[in-house]
C-alpha atoms as a PDB file:
ATOM      1  CA  MET A   1     -27.238 -19.524  17.547  1.00  0.00           C
ATOM      2  CA  SER A   2     -30.202 -17.820  19.219  1.00  0.00           C
ATOM      3  CA  ASP A   3     -31.401 -14.346  18.287  1.00  0.00           C
ATOM      4  CA  GLY A   4     -30.181 -12.879  21.597  1.00  0.00           C
ATOM      5  CA  GLU A   5     -26.638 -14.251  21.330  1.00  0.00           C
ATOM      6  CA  PRO A   6     -23.973 -11.793  20.116  1.00  0.00           C
ATOM      7  CA  ARG A   7     -22.473 -12.664  16.740  1.00  0.00           C
ATOM      8  CA  ASN A   8     -18.888 -12.376  17.999  1.00  0.00           C
ATOM      9  CA  SER A   9     -19.257 -14.563  21.069  1.00  0.00           C
ATOM     10  CA  PRO A  10     -16.905 -17.561  21.377  1.00  0.00           C
ATOM     11  CA  SER A  11     -19.785 -19.979  20.808  1.00  0.00           C
ATOM     12  CA  GLY A  12     -20.858 -17.973  17.749  1.00  0.00           C
ATOM     13  CA  GLY A  13     -17.610 -18.689  15.928  1.00  0.00           C
ATOM     14  CA  GLY A  14     -15.878 -15.416  16.712  1.00  0.00           C
ATOM     15  CA  ASP A  15     -15.307 -12.347  14.610  1.00  0.00           C
ATOM     16  CA  VAL A  16     -11.912 -11.885  12.943  1.00  0.00           C
ATOM     17  CA  LYS A  17     -12.373  -8.114  13.163  1.00  0.00           C
ATOM     18  CA  GLN A  18     -12.300  -8.304  16.991  1.00  0.00           C
ATOM     19  CA  ASP A  19      -9.122 -10.409  17.221  1.00  0.00           C
ATOM     20  CA  PRO A  20      -6.014  -8.238  16.615  1.00  0.00           C
ATOM     21  CA  ILE A  21      -3.759 -11.242  16.040  1.00  0.00           C
ATOM     22  CA  ALA A  22      -6.061 -13.110  13.671  1.00  0.00           C
ATOM     23  CA  PRO A  23      -4.654 -12.737  10.145  1.00  0.00           C
ATOM     24  CA  ILE A  24      -6.683 -11.213   7.339  1.00  0.00           C
ATOM     25  CA  GLU A  25      -5.975 -11.182   3.616  1.00  0.00           C
ATOM     26  CA  ILE A  26      -5.285  -7.810   2.033  1.00  0.00           C
ATOM     27  CA  LYS A  27      -5.100  -7.338  -1.716  1.00  0.00           C
ATOM     28  CA  VAL A  28      -2.601  -4.749  -2.984  1.00  0.00           C
ATOM     29  CA  THR A  29      -3.515  -3.482  -6.454  1.00  0.00           C
ATOM     30  CA  SER A  30      -1.112  -1.551  -8.686  1.00  0.00           C
ATOM     31  CA  ALA A  31      -2.132   1.242 -11.041  1.00  0.00           C
ATOM     32  CA  MET A  32      -1.751  -1.299 -13.871  1.00  0.00           C
ATOM     33  CA  GLY A  33      -4.266  -3.628 -12.205  1.00  0.00           C
ATOM     34  CA  ASP A  34      -1.741  -6.206 -10.983  1.00  0.00           C
ATOM     35  CA  GLU A  35      -2.792  -7.756  -7.679  1.00  0.00           C
ATOM     36  CA  VAL A  36      -0.709  -9.253  -4.877  1.00  0.00           C
ATOM     37  CA  MET A  37      -2.346 -10.923  -1.876  1.00  0.00           C
ATOM     38  CA  PHE A  38      -0.856 -10.662   1.618  1.00  0.00           C
ATOM     39  CA  LYS A  39      -1.958 -12.230   4.877  1.00  0.00           C
ATOM     40  CA  ILE A  40      -1.243  -9.973   7.868  1.00  0.00           C
ATOM     41  CA  LYS A  41      -2.419  -9.508  11.437  1.00  0.00           C
ATOM     42  CA  ARG A  42      -4.892  -6.706  12.082  1.00  0.00           C
ATOM     43  CA  ASN A  43      -2.451  -4.955  14.425  1.00  0.00           C
ATOM     44  CA  THR A  44       0.500  -5.008  11.965  1.00  0.00           C
ATOM     45  CA  LYS A  45       1.588  -1.589  10.723  1.00  0.00           C
ATOM     46  CA  LEU A  46       0.878  -1.191   7.035  1.00  0.00           C
ATOM     47  CA  SER A  47       4.389   0.213   6.569  1.00  0.00           C
ATOM     48  CA  LYS A  48       5.568  -3.388   7.020  1.00  0.00           C
ATOM     49  CA  LEU A  49       3.176  -4.502   4.276  1.00  0.00           C
ATOM     50  CA  GLN A  50       4.398  -1.637   2.105  1.00  0.00           C
ATOM     51  CA  ALA A  51       8.023  -2.790   2.522  1.00  0.00           C
ATOM     52  CA  ALA A  52       7.075  -6.383   1.644  1.00  0.00           C
ATOM     53  CA  TYR A  53       5.157  -5.208  -1.425  1.00  0.00           C
ATOM     54  CA  ALA A  54       8.060  -3.012  -2.562  1.00  0.00           C
ATOM     55  CA  LYS A  55      10.463  -5.937  -2.222  1.00  0.00           C
ATOM     56  CA  ARG A  56       8.076  -8.177  -4.174  1.00  0.00           C
ATOM     57  CA  ILE A  57       7.922  -5.752  -7.121  1.00  0.00           C
ATOM     58  CA  GLY A  58      11.587  -4.740  -6.930  1.00  0.00           C
ATOM     59  CA  LYS A  59      11.073  -1.108  -5.927  1.00  0.00           C
ATOM     60  CA  ASP A  60      12.275   1.036  -3.039  1.00  0.00           C
ATOM     61  CA  ALA A  61       9.717   1.147  -0.221  1.00  0.00           C
ATOM     62  CA  GLY A  62      10.053   4.935  -0.091  1.00  0.00           C
ATOM     63  CA  SER A  63       8.741   5.203  -3.640  1.00  0.00           C
ATOM     64  CA  ILE A  64       5.493   3.331  -2.881  1.00  0.00           C
ATOM     65  CA  ARG A  65       2.353   5.106  -1.673  1.00  0.00           C
ATOM     66  CA  PHE A  66      -0.631   3.163  -0.343  1.00  0.00           C
ATOM     67  CA  LEU A  67      -4.222   4.399  -0.530  1.00  0.00           C
ATOM     68  CA  PHE A  68      -7.275   2.877   1.109  1.00  0.00           C
ATOM     69  CA  GLU A  69     -10.701   4.161   0.108  1.00  0.00           C
ATOM     70  CA  GLY A  70      -8.976   7.108  -1.597  1.00  0.00           C
ATOM     71  CA  LYS A  71      -7.031   8.206   1.508  1.00  0.00           C
ATOM     72  CA  ARG A  72      -3.235   8.084   1.619  1.00  0.00           C
ATOM     73  CA  LEU A  73      -2.077   5.786   4.406  1.00  0.00           C
ATOM     74  CA  ASP A  74       0.320   6.759   7.178  1.00  0.00           C
ATOM     75  CA  ASP A  75       3.188   4.534   8.346  1.00  0.00           C
ATOM     76  CA  ASP A  76       1.448   3.870  11.668  1.00  0.00           C
ATOM     77  CA  ASP A  77      -1.893   2.810  10.160  1.00  0.00           C
ATOM     78  CA  THR A  78      -2.982  -0.774  10.751  1.00  0.00           C
ATOM     79  CA  PRO A  79      -5.868  -2.794   9.327  1.00  0.00           C
ATOM     80  CA  ALA A  80      -7.553  -2.452  12.738  1.00  0.00           C
ATOM     81  CA  SER A  81      -7.153   1.344  12.859  1.00  0.00           C
ATOM     82  CA  LEU A  82      -8.689   1.585   9.374  1.00  0.00           C
ATOM     83  CA  ASP A  83     -11.463  -0.900  10.189  1.00  0.00           C
ATOM     84  CA  MET A  84     -10.371  -3.092   7.279  1.00  0.00           C
ATOM     85  CA  ASP A  85     -12.095  -6.378   6.528  1.00  0.00           C
ATOM     86  CA  ASP A  86     -10.724  -9.641   5.203  1.00  0.00           C
ATOM     87  CA  GLY A  87     -10.310  -9.281   1.434  1.00  0.00           C
ATOM     88  CA  ASP A  88     -10.123  -5.471   1.360  1.00  0.00           C
ATOM     89  CA  SER A  89      -7.956  -3.848  -1.283  1.00  0.00           C
ATOM     90  CA  ILE A  90      -5.208  -1.241  -0.991  1.00  0.00           C
ATOM     91  CA  ASP A  91      -4.201   0.781  -4.046  1.00  0.00           C
ATOM     92  CA  ALA A  92      -0.438   1.027  -4.580  1.00  0.00           C
ATOM     93  CA  MET A  93       1.055   3.970  -6.419  1.00  0.00           C
ATOM     94  CA  VAL A  94       4.711   4.104  -7.399  1.00  0.00           C
ATOM     95  CA  GLU A  95       6.209   7.582  -7.358  1.00  0.00           C
ATOM     96  CA  ARG A  96       8.224   8.117 -10.479  1.00  0.00           C
ATOM     97  CA  MET A  97      11.205  10.421 -10.490  1.00  0.00           C
ATOM     98  CA  TYR A  98      11.888  12.017 -13.837  1.00  0.00           C
ATOM     99  CA  PHE A  99      15.135  13.614 -14.832  1.00  0.00           C
ATOM    100  CA  ALA A 100      14.910  16.010 -17.726  1.00  0.00           C
ATOM    101  CA  TRP A 101      17.779  16.904 -19.984  1.00  0.00           C
ATOM    102  CA  SER A 102      17.760  20.085 -21.981  1.00  0.00           C
ATOM    103  CA  VAL A 103      19.990  20.529 -24.983  1.00  0.00           C
ATOM    104  CA  ILE A 104      21.246  24.029 -25.617  1.00  0.00           C
ATOM    105  CA  VAL A 105      22.932  25.099 -28.828  1.00  0.00           C
ATOM    106  CA  ASP A 106      25.426  27.869 -28.152  1.00  0.00           C
ATOM    107  CA  ALA A 107      26.655  30.502 -30.594  1.00  0.00           C
ATOM    108  CA  ASN A 108      29.406  28.199 -31.895  1.00  0.00           C
ATOM    109  CA  SER A 109      26.863  25.454 -32.707  1.00  0.00           C
ATOM    110  CA  THR A 110      28.317  23.083 -30.128  1.00  0.00           C
ATOM    111  CA  LEU A 111      25.911  21.123 -28.011  1.00  0.00           C
ATOM    112  CA  THR A 112      25.886  21.645 -24.292  1.00  0.00           C
ATOM    113  CA  GLU A 113      23.825  19.410 -22.004  1.00  0.00           C
ATOM    114  CA  VAL A 114      22.150  20.956 -19.026  1.00  0.00           C
ATOM    115  CA  GLY A 115      20.623  18.564 -16.501  1.00  0.00           C
ATOM    116  CA  GLY A 116      17.752  19.324 -14.240  1.00  0.00           C
ATOM    117  CA  SER A 117      15.042  17.449 -12.420  1.00  0.00           C
ATOM    118  CA  SER A 118      11.373  18.175 -12.623  1.00  0.00           C
END
């Protein structure tokens, strides 16, 4: 390849970043450090990846939050819109719902359970 030839020209081998249908590998990393690799097209919405990841780990997709470079991802984000490269990593956070139970002792010393969420 000559110095004047663009790097992403067809004769230069192409650039995956310029081809929206060329698949790239994305690594999804949990808070525990577990990694799952996915191959997706650059124009695929990351909400689809989020659903596949949730299914893989046995969680509801609505409880998973994706972050890329510290920014929470929107459902309509794609690897192309975020300028992601092959091999980039997305952090996956699972929202945990806690249900707290309070135990109250009344005047007659009987236990009464009072439920509430926090």
